[in-house]
Amino acid sequence: MAKRDADPKSIRDVLGSFVEKNNLQTGIDKVNVADAWRDIMGPAISKYTSQIKLDNDRLFVQLSSSVLREELGYGKEKIIRNLNEELGKEVIKSIVLR
């Protein structure tokens, strides 16, 4: 049986240790990246986004508009910077637009 700790802990600390112990951070990052994409890019671009997938440190974004894909290709570095800033840590190192 696990030993109880008498010191009070904040929910943030308890959840943080739970996530770390069970290796859940990768899954949480995947969800957070999709939310950050919608927040940063806005509804106009989100409307043309069909799939967002985080694989290690690469973000794959499926777009339904070739014109938009070409236009976003010019600003990849700024998009990466804005998404990482929204996430609060460096999760994305490159973006692949499809």
PDB file of N, CA and C in Angstrom:
ATOM      1  N   MET A   1       0.838  -1.163   0.000  1.00  0.00           N
ATOM      2  CA  MET A   1       0.000   0.000   0.000  1.00  0.00           C
ATOM      3  C   MET A   1       0.893   1.241   0.000  1.00  0.00           C
ATOM      4  N   ALA A   2       0.478   2.249  -0.739  1.00  0.00           N
ATOM      5  CA  ALA A   2       1.270   3.465  -0.871  1.00  0.00           C
ATOM      6  C   ALA A   2       1.239   4.264   0.423  1.00  0.00           C
ATOM      7  N   LYS A   3       2.363   4.897   0.696  1.00  0.00           N
ATOM      8  CA  LYS A   3       2.477   5.727   1.887  1.00  0.00           C
ATOM      9  C   LYS A   3       1.866   7.098   1.613  1.00  0.00           C
ATOM     10  N   ARG A   4       1.104   7.590   2.559  1.00  0.00           N
ATOM     11  CA  ARG A   4       0.471   8.894   2.416  1.00  0.00           C
ATOM     12  C   ARG A   4       1.460   9.990   2.778  1.00  0.00           C
ATOM     13  N   ASP A   5       1.303  11.115   2.070  1.00  0.00           N
ATOM     14  CA  ASP A   5       2.115  12.290   2.353  1.00  0.00           C
ATOM     15  C   ASP A   5       1.242  13.283   3.109  1.00  0.00           C
ATOM     16  N   ALA A   6       1.682  13.701   4.288  1.00  0.00           N
ATOM     17  CA  ALA A   6       0.871  14.579   5.141  1.00  0.00           C
ATOM     18  C   ALA A   6       0.903  16.032   4.692  1.00  0.00           C
ATOM     19  N   ASP A   7       1.871  16.404   3.876  1.00  0.00           N
ATOM     20  CA  ASP A   7       1.971  17.795   3.426  1.00  0.00           C
ATOM     21  C   ASP A   7       0.914  18.081   2.362  1.00  0.00           C
ATOM     22  N   PRO A   8       0.201  19.195   2.527  1.00  0.00           N
ATOM     23  CA  PRO A   8      -0.788  19.551   1.500  1.00  0.00           C
ATOM     24  C   PRO A   8      -0.080  19.981   0.202  1.00  0.00           C
ATOM     25  N   LYS A   9      -0.667  19.585  -0.923  1.00  0.00           N
ATOM     26  CA  LYS A   9      -0.091  19.908  -2.224  1.00  0.00           C
ATOM     27  C   LYS A   9      -1.176  20.531  -3.090  1.00  0.00           C
ATOM     28  N   SER A  10      -0.735  21.364  -3.996  1.00  0.00           N
ATOM     29  CA  SER A  10      -1.699  21.985  -4.901  1.00  0.00           C
ATOM     30  C   SER A  10      -2.114  20.981  -5.974  1.00  0.00           C
ATOM     31  N   ILE A  11      -3.280  21.217  -6.546  1.00  0.00           N
ATOM     32  CA  ILE A  11      -3.773  20.349  -7.624  1.00  0.00           C
ATOM     33  C   ILE A  11      -2.797  20.354  -8.792  1.00  0.00           C
ATOM     34  N   ARG A  12      -2.229  21.524  -9.089  1.00  0.00           N
ATOM     35  CA  ARG A  12      -1.269  21.641 -10.192  1.00  0.00           C
ATOM     36  C   ARG A  12      -0.080  20.706  -9.995  1.00  0.00           C
ATOM     37  N   ASP A  13       0.458  20.667  -8.770  1.00  0.00           N
ATOM     38  CA  ASP A  13       1.600  19.806  -8.480  1.00  0.00           C
ATOM     39  C   ASP A  13       1.231  18.332  -8.579  1.00  0.00           C
ATOM     40  N   VAL A  14       0.073  17.987  -8.053  1.00  0.00           N
ATOM     41  CA  VAL A  14      -0.373  16.586  -8.076  1.00  0.00           C
ATOM     42  C   VAL A  14      -0.604  16.121  -9.512  1.00  0.00           C
ATOM     43  N   LEU A  15      -1.308  16.950 -10.306  1.00  0.00           N
ATOM     44  CA  LEU A  15      -1.551  16.572 -11.707  1.00  0.00           C
ATOM     45  C   LEU A  15      -0.259  16.545 -12.505  1.00  0.00           C
ATOM     46  N   GLY A  16       0.641  17.476 -12.224  1.00  0.00           N
ATOM     47  CA  GLY A  16       1.931  17.500 -12.913  1.00  0.00           C
ATOM     48  C   GLY A  16       2.729  16.233 -12.660  1.00  0.00           C
ATOM     49  N   SER A  17       2.757  15.775 -11.420  1.00  0.00           N
ATOM     50  CA  SER A  17       3.491  14.546 -11.114  1.00  0.00           C
ATOM     51  C   SER A  17       2.793  13.325 -11.708  1.00  0.00           C
ATOM     52  N   PHE A  18       1.464  13.346 -11.755  1.00  0.00           N
ATOM     53  CA  PHE A  18       0.718  12.244 -12.373  1.00  0.00           C
ATOM     54  C   PHE A  18       1.020  12.149 -13.869  1.00  0.00           C
ATOM     55  N   VAL A  19       1.014  13.291 -14.550  1.00  0.00           N
ATOM     56  CA  VAL A  19       1.302  13.320 -15.987  1.00  0.00           C
ATOM     57  C   VAL A  19       2.721  12.841 -16.250  1.00  0.00           C
ATOM     58  N   GLU A  20       3.667  13.296 -15.422  1.00  0.00           N
ATOM     59  CA  GLU A  20       5.062  12.910 -15.605  1.00  0.00           C
ATOM     60  C   GLU A  20       5.266  11.417 -15.341  1.00  0.00           C
ATOM     61  N   LYS A  21       4.648  10.912 -14.284  1.00  0.00           N
ATOM     62  CA  LYS A  21       4.817   9.508 -13.905  1.00  0.00           C
ATOM     63  C   LYS A  21       4.239   8.563 -14.965  1.00  0.00           C
ATOM     64  N   ASN A  22       3.138   8.960 -15.588  1.00  0.00           N
ATOM     65  CA  ASN A  22       2.469   8.096 -16.556  1.00  0.00           C
ATOM     66  C   ASN A  22       2.789   8.432 -18.016  1.00  0.00           C
ATOM     67  N   ASN A  23       3.772   9.295 -18.247  1.00  0.00           N
ATOM     68  CA  ASN A  23       4.219   9.667 -19.600  1.00  0.00           C
ATOM     69  C   ASN A  23       3.061  10.127 -20.487  1.00  0.00           C
ATOM     70  N   LEU A  24       2.275  11.063 -19.993  1.00  0.00           N
ATOM     71  CA  LEU A  24       1.110  11.563 -20.717  1.00  0.00           C
ATOM     72  C   LEU A  24       1.358  12.891 -21.420  1.00  0.00           C
ATOM     73  N   GLN A  25       2.534  13.485 -21.253  1.00  0.00           N
ATOM     74  CA  GLN A  25       2.795  14.817 -21.780  1.00  0.00           C
ATOM     75  C   GLN A  25       2.701  14.868 -23.298  1.00  0.00           C
ATOM     76  N   THR A  26       3.122  13.819 -23.992  1.00  0.00           N
ATOM     77  CA  THR A  26       3.061  13.805 -25.451  1.00  0.00           C
ATOM     78  C   THR A  26       1.627  13.919 -25.941  1.00  0.00           C
ATOM     79  N   GLY A  27       0.723  13.173 -25.354  1.00  0.00           N
ATOM     80  CA  GLY A  27      -0.684  13.239 -25.736  1.00  0.00           C
ATOM     81  C   GLY A  27      -1.304  14.591 -25.428  1.00  0.00           C
ATOM     82  N   ILE A  28      -0.930  15.162 -24.308  1.00  0.00           N
ATOM     83  CA  ILE A  28      -1.439  16.483 -23.942  1.00  0.00           C
ATOM     84  C   ILE A  28      -0.920  17.529 -24.918  1.00  0.00           C
ATOM     85  N   ASP A  29       0.348  17.411 -25.312  1.00  0.00           N
ATOM     86  CA  ASP A  29       0.920  18.343 -26.291  1.00  0.00           C
ATOM     87  C   ASP A  29       0.178  18.270 -27.621  1.00  0.00           C
ATOM     88  N   LYS A  30      -0.202  17.073 -28.044  1.00  0.00           N
ATOM     89  CA  LYS A  30      -0.923  16.918 -29.310  1.00  0.00           C
ATOM     90  C   LYS A  30      -2.266  17.646 -29.280  1.00  0.00           C
ATOM     91  N   VAL A  31      -2.959  17.549 -28.186  1.00  0.00           N
ATOM     92  CA  VAL A  31      -4.249  18.236 -28.046  1.00  0.00           C
ATOM     93  C   VAL A  31      -4.034  19.743 -27.974  1.00  0.00           C
ATOM     94  N   ASN A  32      -3.042  20.159 -27.204  1.00  0.00           N
ATOM     95  CA  ASN A  32      -2.771  21.585 -27.045  1.00  0.00           C
ATOM     96  C   ASN A  32      -2.335  22.238 -28.357  1.00  0.00           C
ATOM     97  N   VAL A  33      -1.594  21.510 -29.189  1.00  0.00           N
ATOM     98  CA  VAL A  33      -1.150  22.058 -30.478  1.00  0.00           C
ATOM     99  C   VAL A  33      -2.347  22.313 -31.381  1.00  0.00           C
ATOM    100  N   ALA A  34      -3.283  21.398 -31.415  1.00  0.00           N
ATOM    101  CA  ALA A  34      -4.478  21.590 -32.244  1.00  0.00           C
ATOM    102  C   ALA A  34      -5.280  22.798 -31.774  1.00  0.00           C
ATOM    103  N   ASP A  35      -5.406  22.964 -30.472  1.00  0.00           N
ATOM    104  CA  ASP A  35      -6.115  24.129 -29.926  1.00  0.00           C
ATOM    105  C   ASP A  35      -5.364  25.420 -30.226  1.00  0.00           C
ATOM    106  N   ALA A  36      -4.041  25.383 -30.091  1.00  0.00           N
ATOM    107  CA  ALA A  36      -3.227  26.575 -30.357  1.00  0.00           C
ATOM    108  C   ALA A  36      -3.311  26.967 -31.830  1.00  0.00           C
ATOM    109  N   TRP A  37      -3.340  25.983 -32.727  1.00  0.00           N
ATOM    110  CA  TRP A  37      -3.460  26.277 -34.163  1.00  0.00           C
ATOM    111  C   TRP A  37      -4.751  27.059 -34.432  1.00  0.00           C
ATOM    112  N   ARG A  38      -5.847  26.578 -33.869  1.00  0.00           N
ATOM    113  CA  ARG A  38      -7.130  27.259 -34.077  1.00  0.00           C
ATOM    114  C   ARG A  38      -7.118  28.673 -33.485  1.00  0.00           C
ATOM    115  N   ASP A  39      -6.498  28.833 -32.325  1.00  0.00           N
ATOM    116  CA  ASP A  39      -6.451  30.144 -31.675  1.00  0.00           C
ATOM    117  C   ASP A  39      -5.568  31.118 -32.442  1.00  0.00           C
ATOM    118  N   ILE A  40      -4.400  30.679 -32.845  1.00  0.00           N
ATOM    119  CA  ILE A  40      -3.431  31.560 -33.508  1.00  0.00           C
ATOM    120  C   ILE A  40      -3.855  31.878 -34.941  1.00  0.00           C
ATOM    121  N   MET A  41      -4.296  30.881 -35.690  1.00  0.00           N
ATOM    122  CA  MET A  41      -4.577  31.071 -37.114  1.00  0.00           C
ATOM    123  C   MET A  41      -5.954  31.675 -37.357  1.00  0.00           C
ATOM    124  N   GLY A  42      -6.848  31.553 -36.415  1.00  0.00           N
ATOM    125  CA  GLY A  42      -8.173  32.158 -36.555  1.00  0.00           C
ATOM    126  C   GLY A  42      -9.145  31.287 -37.327  1.00  0.00           C
ATOM    127  N   PRO A  43     -10.404  31.700 -37.364  1.00  0.00           N
ATOM    128  CA  PRO A  43     -11.447  30.878 -37.993  1.00  0.00           C
ATOM    129  C   PRO A  43     -11.311  30.791 -39.516  1.00  0.00           C
ATOM    130  N   ALA A  44     -10.758  31.804 -40.159  1.00  0.00           N
ATOM    131  CA  ALA A  44     -10.651  31.781 -41.623  1.00  0.00           C
ATOM    132  C   ALA A  44      -9.720  30.666 -42.095  1.00  0.00           C
ATOM    133  N   ILE A  45      -8.583  30.521 -41.456  1.00  0.00           N
ATOM    134  CA  ILE A  45      -7.636  29.466 -41.840  1.00  0.00           C
ATOM    135  C   ILE A  45      -8.067  28.124 -41.266  1.00  0.00           C
ATOM    136  N   SER A  46      -8.632  28.115 -40.076  1.00  0.00           N
ATOM    137  CA  SER A  46      -9.102  26.860 -39.474  1.00  0.00           C
ATOM    138  C   SER A  46     -10.175  26.199 -40.327  1.00  0.00           C
ATOM    139  N   LYS A  47     -10.932  27.001 -41.050  1.00  0.00           N
ATOM    140  CA  LYS A  47     -11.981  26.466 -41.922  1.00  0.00           C
ATOM    141  C   LYS A  47     -11.385  25.598 -43.028  1.00  0.00           C
ATOM    142  N   TYR A  48     -10.177  25.928 -43.471  1.00  0.00           N
ATOM    143  CA  TYR A  48      -9.511  25.171 -44.539  1.00  0.00           C
ATOM    144  C   TYR A  48      -8.564  24.102 -43.999  1.00  0.00           C
ATOM    145  N   THR A  49      -8.483  23.956 -42.692  1.00  0.00           N
ATOM    146  CA  THR A  49      -7.619  22.958 -42.071  1.00  0.00           C
ATOM    147  C   THR A  49      -8.418  21.689 -41.819  1.00  0.00           C
ATOM    148  N   SER A  50      -7.975  20.587 -42.417  1.00  0.00           N
ATOM    149  CA  SER A  50      -8.721  19.342 -42.247  1.00  0.00           C
ATOM    150  C   SER A  50      -8.082  18.405 -41.233  1.00  0.00           C
ATOM    151  N   GLN A  51      -6.757  18.503 -41.029  1.00  0.00           N
ATOM    152  CA  GLN A  51      -6.104  17.606 -40.080  1.00  0.00           C
ATOM    153  C   GLN A  51      -4.864  18.276 -39.512  1.00  0.00           C
ATOM    154  N   ILE A  52      -4.641  18.103 -38.212  1.00  0.00           N
ATOM    155  CA  ILE A  52      -3.448  18.603 -37.528  1.00  0.00           C
ATOM    156  C   ILE A  52      -2.861  17.434 -36.754  1.00  0.00           C
ATOM    157  N   LYS A  53      -1.582  17.139 -37.020  1.00  0.00           N
ATOM    158  CA  LYS A  53      -0.950  15.998 -36.361  1.00  0.00           C
ATOM    159  C   LYS A  53       0.443  16.393 -35.898  1.00  0.00           C
ATOM    160  N   LEU A  54       0.751  16.126 -34.648  1.00  0.00           N
ATOM    161  CA  LEU A  54       2.078  16.378 -34.094  1.00  0.00           C
ATOM    162  C   LEU A  54       2.804  15.053 -34.000  1.00  0.00           C
ATOM    163  N   ASP A  55       3.953  14.969 -34.670  1.00  0.00           N
ATOM    164  CA  ASP A  55       4.776  13.760 -34.647  1.00  0.00           C
ATOM    165  C   ASP A  55       6.165  14.167 -34.187  1.00  0.00           C
ATOM    166  N   ASN A  56       6.509  13.807 -32.965  1.00  0.00           N
ATOM    167  CA  ASN A  56       7.731  14.253 -32.289  1.00  0.00           C
ATOM    168  C   ASN A  56       7.732  15.777 -32.229  1.00  0.00           C
ATOM    169  N   ASP A  57       8.599  16.427 -32.992  1.00  0.00           N
ATOM    170  CA  ASP A  57       8.640  17.891 -32.963  1.00  0.00           C
ATOM    171  C   ASP A  57       8.232  18.493 -34.305  1.00  0.00           C
ATOM    172  N   ARG A  58       7.608  17.698 -35.160  1.00  0.00           N
ATOM    173  CA  ARG A  58       7.136  18.162 -36.465  1.00  0.00           C
ATOM    174  C   ARG A  58       5.611  18.221 -36.471  1.00  0.00           C
ATOM    175  N   LEU A  59       5.092  19.342 -36.954  1.00  0.00           N
ATOM    176  CA  LEU A  59       3.650  19.527 -37.042  1.00  0.00           C
ATOM    177  C   LEU A  59       3.224  19.333 -38.496  1.00  0.00           C
ATOM    178  N   PHE A  60       2.319  18.400 -38.733  1.00  0.00           N
ATOM    179  CA  PHE A  60       1.773  18.148 -40.058  1.00  0.00           C
ATOM    180  C   PHE A  60       0.383  18.761 -40.117  1.00  0.00           C
ATOM    181  N   VAL A  61       0.165  19.630 -41.103  1.00  0.00           N
ATOM    182  CA  VAL A  61      -1.113  20.317 -41.242  1.00  0.00           C
ATOM    183  C   VAL A  61      -1.659  20.030 -42.634  1.00  0.00           C
ATOM    184  N   GLN A  62      -2.839  19.442 -42.680  1.00  0.00           N
ATOM    185  CA  GLN A  62      -3.526  19.145 -43.942  1.00  0.00           C
ATOM    186  C   GLN A  62      -4.454  20.307 -44.259  1.00  0.00           C
ATOM    187  N   LEU A  63      -4.231  20.942 -45.405  1.00  0.00           N
ATOM    188  CA  LEU A  63      -5.050  22.074 -45.823  1.00  0.00           C
ATOM    189  C   LEU A  63      -5.812  21.722 -47.090  1.00  0.00           C
ATOM    190  N   SER A  64      -7.039  22.221 -47.204  1.00  0.00           N
ATOM    191  CA  SER A  64      -7.862  21.925 -48.370  1.00  0.00           C
ATOM    192  C   SER A  64      -7.669  22.947 -49.491  1.00  0.00           C
ATOM    193  N   SER A  65      -6.890  23.992 -49.253  1.00  0.00           N
ATOM    194  CA  SER A  65      -6.666  25.027 -50.259  1.00  0.00           C
ATOM    195  C   SER A  65      -5.185  25.081 -50.615  1.00  0.00           C
ATOM    196  N   SER A  66      -4.878  24.834 -51.886  1.00  0.00           N
ATOM    197  CA  SER A  66      -3.485  24.880 -52.323  1.00  0.00           C
ATOM    198  C   SER A  66      -2.938  26.306 -52.276  1.00  0.00           C
ATOM    199  N   VAL A  67      -3.797  27.282 -52.539  1.00  0.00           N
ATOM    200  CA  VAL A  67      -3.370  28.679 -52.489  1.00  0.00           C
ATOM    201  C   VAL A  67      -2.989  29.058 -51.056  1.00  0.00           C
ATOM    202  N   LEU A  68      -3.787  28.662 -50.091  1.00  0.00           N
ATOM    203  CA  LEU A  68      -3.501  28.939 -48.691  1.00  0.00           C
ATOM    204  C   LEU A  68      -2.237  28.208 -48.250  1.00  0.00           C
ATOM    205  N   ARG A  69      -2.066  26.984 -48.695  1.00  0.00           N
ATOM    206  CA  ARG A  69      -0.870  26.206 -48.355  1.00  0.00           C
ATOM    207  C   ARG A  69       0.388  26.930 -48.838  1.00  0.00           C
ATOM    208  N   GLU A  70       0.350  27.435 -50.048  1.00  0.00           N
ATOM    209  CA  GLU A  70       1.483  28.169 -50.609  1.00  0.00           C
ATOM    210  C   GLU A  70       1.734  29.446 -49.826  1.00  0.00           C
ATOM    211  N   GLU A  71       0.688  30.158 -49.485  1.00  0.00           N
ATOM    212  CA  GLU A  71       0.805  31.419 -48.752  1.00  0.00           C
ATOM    213  C   GLU A  71       1.378  31.187 -47.346  1.00  0.00           C
ATOM    214  N   LEU A  72       0.899  30.164 -46.660  1.00  0.00           N
ATOM    215  CA  LEU A  72       1.401  29.872 -45.314  1.00  0.00           C
ATOM    216  C   LEU A  72       2.840  29.374 -45.344  1.00  0.00           C
ATOM    217  N   GLY A  73       3.244  28.776 -46.452  1.00  0.00           N
ATOM    218  CA  GLY A  73       4.609  28.284 -46.590  1.00  0.00           C
ATOM    219  C   GLY A  73       5.646  29.384 -46.460  1.00  0.00           C
ATOM    220  N   TYR A  74       5.285  30.609 -46.801  1.00  0.00           N
ATOM    221  CA  TYR A  74       6.218  31.726 -46.702  1.00  0.00           C
ATOM    222  C   TYR A  74       6.446  32.179 -45.262  1.00  0.00           C
ATOM    223  N   GLY A  75       5.536  31.873 -44.381  1.00  0.00           N
ATOM    224  CA  GLY A  75       5.648  32.334 -42.994  1.00  0.00           C
ATOM    225  C   GLY A  75       5.785  31.221 -41.980  1.00  0.00           C
ATOM    226  N   LYS A  76       6.399  30.114 -42.353  1.00  0.00           N
ATOM    227  CA  LYS A  76       6.495  28.966 -41.446  1.00  0.00           C
ATOM    228  C   LYS A  76       7.204  29.303 -40.140  1.00  0.00           C
ATOM    229  N   GLU A  77       8.307  30.033 -40.215  1.00  0.00           N
ATOM    230  CA  GLU A  77       9.067  30.352 -39.007  1.00  0.00           C
ATOM    231  C   GLU A  77       8.243  31.183 -38.024  1.00  0.00           C
ATOM    232  N   LYS A  78       7.489  32.131 -38.548  1.00  0.00           N
ATOM    233  CA  LYS A  78       6.649  32.963 -37.680  1.00  0.00           C
ATOM    234  C   LYS A  78       5.526  32.135 -37.063  1.00  0.00           C
ATOM    235  N   ILE A  79       4.958  31.216 -37.841  1.00  0.00           N
ATOM    236  CA  ILE A  79       3.899  30.345 -37.330  1.00  0.00           C
ATOM    237  C   ILE A  79       4.445  29.467 -36.205  1.00  0.00           C
ATOM    238  N   ILE A  80       5.629  28.897 -36.413  1.00  0.00           N
ATOM    239  CA  ILE A  80       6.256  28.054 -35.390  1.00  0.00           C
ATOM    240  C   ILE A  80       6.488  28.864 -34.117  1.00  0.00           C
ATOM    241  N   ARG A  81       7.021  30.064 -34.270  1.00  0.00           N
ATOM    242  CA  ARG A  81       7.307  30.928 -33.124  1.00  0.00           C
ATOM    243  C   ARG A  81       6.021  31.257 -32.361  1.00  0.00           C
ATOM    244  N   ASN A  82       4.965  31.614 -33.084  1.00  0.00           N
ATOM    245  CA  ASN A  82       3.695  31.971 -32.441  1.00  0.00           C
ATOM    246  C   ASN A  82       3.052  30.778 -31.741  1.00  0.00           C
ATOM    247  N   LEU A  83       3.095  29.610 -32.368  1.00  0.00           N
ATOM    248  CA  LEU A  83       2.516  28.419 -31.744  1.00  0.00           C
ATOM    249  C   LEU A  83       3.273  28.030 -30.484  1.00  0.00           C
ATOM    250  N   ASN A  84       4.611  28.043 -30.548  1.00  0.00           N
ATOM    251  CA  ASN A  84       5.402  27.705 -29.360  1.00  0.00           C
ATOM    252  C   ASN A  84       5.179  28.717 -28.243  1.00  0.00           C
ATOM    253  N   GLU A  85       5.026  29.967 -28.607  1.00  0.00           N
ATOM    254  CA  GLU A  85       4.747  30.996 -27.603  1.00  0.00           C
ATOM    255  C   GLU A  85       3.390  30.749 -26.943  1.00  0.00           C
ATOM    256  N   GLU A  86       2.399  30.368 -27.741  1.00  0.00           N
ATOM    257  CA  GLU A  86       1.060  30.065 -27.218  1.00  0.00           C
ATOM    258  C   GLU A  86       1.099  28.849 -26.292  1.00  0.00           C
ATOM    259  N   LEU A  87       1.934  27.865 -26.634  1.00  0.00           N
ATOM    260  CA  LEU A  87       2.043  26.646 -25.833  1.00  0.00           C
ATOM    261  C   LEU A  87       2.891  26.842 -24.584  1.00  0.00           C
ATOM    262  N   GLY A  88       3.718  27.871 -24.575  1.00  0.00           N
ATOM    263  CA  GLY A  88       4.549  28.139 -23.409  1.00  0.00           C
ATOM    264  C   GLY A  88       5.838  27.355 -23.359  1.00  0.00           C
ATOM    265  N   LYS A  89       6.133  26.592 -24.390  1.00  0.00           N
ATOM    266  CA  LYS A  89       7.392  25.848 -24.472  1.00  0.00           C
ATOM    267  C   LYS A  89       7.631  25.469 -25.929  1.00  0.00           C
ATOM    268  N   GLU A  90       8.841  25.044 -26.230  1.00  0.00           N
ATOM    269  CA  GLU A  90       9.171  24.697 -27.609  1.00  0.00           C
ATOM    270  C   GLU A  90       8.761  23.256 -27.893  1.00  0.00           C
ATOM    271  N   VAL A  91       7.628  23.112 -28.506  1.00  0.00           N
ATOM    272  CA  VAL A  91       7.094  21.795 -28.867  1.00  0.00           C
ATOM    273  C   VAL A  91       7.326  21.525 -30.345  1.00  0.00           C
ATOM    274  N   ILE A  92       7.221  22.564 -31.164  1.00  0.00           N
ATOM    275  CA  ILE A  92       7.290  22.433 -32.628  1.00  0.00           C
ATOM    276  C   ILE A  92       8.607  22.997 -33.132  1.00  0.00           C
ATOM    277  N   LYS A  93       9.293  22.222 -33.964  1.00  0.00           N
ATOM    278  CA  LYS A  93      10.523  22.695 -34.587  1.00  0.00           C
ATOM    279  C   LYS A  93      10.367  22.868 -36.089  1.00  0.00           C
ATOM    280  N   SER A  94       9.421  22.173 -36.690  1.00  0.00           N
ATOM    281  CA  SER A  94       9.176  22.336 -38.121  1.00  0.00           C
ATOM    282  C   SER A  94       7.712  22.059 -38.436  1.00  0.00           C
ATOM    283  N   ILE A  95       7.262  22.630 -39.555  1.00  0.00           N
ATOM    284  CA  ILE A  95       5.880  22.445 -40.009  1.00  0.00           C
ATOM    285  C   ILE A  95       5.911  21.887 -41.422  1.00  0.00           C
ATOM    286  N   VAL A  96       5.072  20.898 -41.657  1.00  0.00           N
ATOM    287  CA  VAL A  96       4.891  20.334 -42.982  1.00  0.00           C
ATOM    288  C   VAL A  96       3.447  20.627 -43.384  1.00  0.00           C
ATOM    289  N   LEU A  97       3.294  21.406 -44.434  1.00  0.00           N
ATOM    290  CA  LEU A  97       1.966  21.761 -44.935  1.00  0.00           C
ATOM    291  C   LEU A  97       1.633  20.841 -46.095  1.00  0.00           C
ATOM    292  N   ARG A  98       0.490  20.201 -46.018  1.00  0.00           N
ATOM    293  CA  ARG A  98       0.072  19.255 -47.065  1.00  0.00           C
ATOM    294  C   ARG A  98      -1.208  19.736 -47.713  1.00  0.00           C
TER     295      ARG A  98
END
